[in-house]
Protein backbone atom coordinates (compact mmCIF):
# COMPACT_ATOMS: atom_id res chain seq x y z
CA MET A 1 92.27 102.78 95.53
CA GLY A 2 94.87 105.24 94.40
CA GLY A 3 92.38 107.78 93.08
CA VAL A 4 88.72 108.29 92.40
CA SER A 5 88.26 105.88 89.50
CA ASP A 6 86.66 102.48 90.05
CA LEU A 7 88.28 101.04 86.92
CA ALA A 8 90.99 99.23 88.87
CA LEU A 9 88.43 97.54 91.11
CA LYS A 10 86.30 96.53 88.11
CA LYS A 11 89.35 95.07 86.34
CA PHE A 12 90.40 93.23 89.52
CA LEU A 13 86.94 91.67 89.86
CA GLU A 14 87.00 90.73 86.19
CA ASN A 15 90.39 89.00 86.63
CA PHE A 16 89.38 87.30 89.90
CA PRO A 17 85.72 86.26 89.50
CA ASN A 18 85.78 84.17 92.69
CA VAL A 19 86.13 87.30 94.85
CA HIS A 20 82.84 88.07 96.54
CA THR A 21 83.95 90.07 99.60
CA ILE A 22 85.41 93.55 99.34
CA ASN A 23 86.84 95.52 102.27
CA LEU A 24 86.80 99.29 101.77
CA CYS A 25 89.43 101.05 103.91
CA LEU A 26 89.05 104.57 102.57
CA ASP A 27 89.64 107.84 104.42
CA ASN A 28 87.41 108.51 107.39
CA ASP A 29 86.19 111.88 106.15
CA GLU A 30 83.27 113.13 104.07
CA ALA A 31 85.01 112.40 100.77
CA GLY A 32 85.98 108.88 101.89
CA ARG A 33 82.45 108.08 103.04
CA LYS A 34 81.01 109.42 99.75
CA ALA A 35 83.50 107.30 97.79
CA CYS A 36 82.39 104.22 99.77
CA GLU A 37 78.75 104.95 98.90
CA ASP A 38 79.68 105.34 95.22
CA ILE A 39 81.68 102.10 95.20
CA ILE A 40 78.87 100.18 96.90
CA LYS A 41 76.40 101.48 94.29
CA MET A 42 78.79 100.49 91.48
CA LEU A 43 79.20 97.00 92.99
CA GLU A 44 75.42 96.58 93.26
CA GLU A 45 75.06 97.48 89.57
CA LEU A 46 77.98 95.28 88.56
CA GLY A 47 76.56 92.42 90.59
CA LYS A 48 73.16 92.72 88.91
CA ALA A 49 74.80 92.78 85.49
CA ASN A 50 76.91 89.70 86.28
CA ASN A 51 74.37 87.85 88.47
CA LYS A 52 76.65 88.14 91.52
CA VAL A 53 76.32 89.42 95.05
CA TYR A 54 79.25 91.23 96.63
CA LYS A 55 79.63 91.50 100.38
CA VAL A 56 81.12 94.90 101.16
CA ASN A 57 82.71 95.74 104.51
CA VAL A 58 83.30 99.44 105.15
CA LEU A 59 86.28 99.65 107.53
CA PRO A 60 87.34 103.25 108.18
CA ALA A 61 90.21 103.93 110.55
CA LYS A 62 88.97 104.22 114.12
CA LEU A 63 91.47 106.98 114.95
CA GLY A 64 92.48 109.79 112.62
CA LYS A 65 91.55 110.41 109.02
CA ASP A 66 93.08 107.23 107.63
CA TYR A 67 95.05 104.15 108.61
CA ASN A 68 98.35 105.96 108.20
CA GLU A 69 97.30 108.61 110.73
CA MET A 70 96.04 105.88 113.03
CA LEU A 71 99.38 104.06 112.87
CA MET A 72 101.39 107.24 113.28
CA ALA A 73 99.40 108.54 116.24
CA GLU A 74 100.50 108.04 119.80
CA VAL A 75 98.42 105.15 121.10
CA GLU A 76 98.37 103.73 124.56
CA THR A 77 98.05 99.96 124.66
CA ASP A 78 98.34 97.87 127.83
CA GLY A 79 100.13 100.73 129.61
CA THR A 80 102.83 100.88 126.91
CA LYS A 81 103.03 103.88 124.66
CA VAL A 82 103.71 103.34 121.01
CA LYS A 83 105.20 106.56 119.70
CA LYS A 84 105.25 107.93 116.22
CA GLN A 85 108.06 106.31 114.25
CA LYS A 86 110.83 108.57 113.08
CA GLU A 87 111.84 108.26 109.47
CA VAL A 88 115.33 106.82 109.07
CA ARG A 89 117.31 107.73 105.99
């Protein structure tokens, strides 16, 4: 979400009232899990105020702290190793 504020999400939901499903892909650490809990609580309150129900999917990275670490990690898939990409400048 680019920070700890939920203002961007609230504005997004205000601009797109047909959105009812939110996927949370925050960091897979204590702070990320706490942020998910806080966002879910905010969405429950917002839903009550607006007579809406939001479906929230919490989707932390399965490997590493976040999706970037997951993508950058060495992963073995079907016998083929996918190595960390080197930055090209």
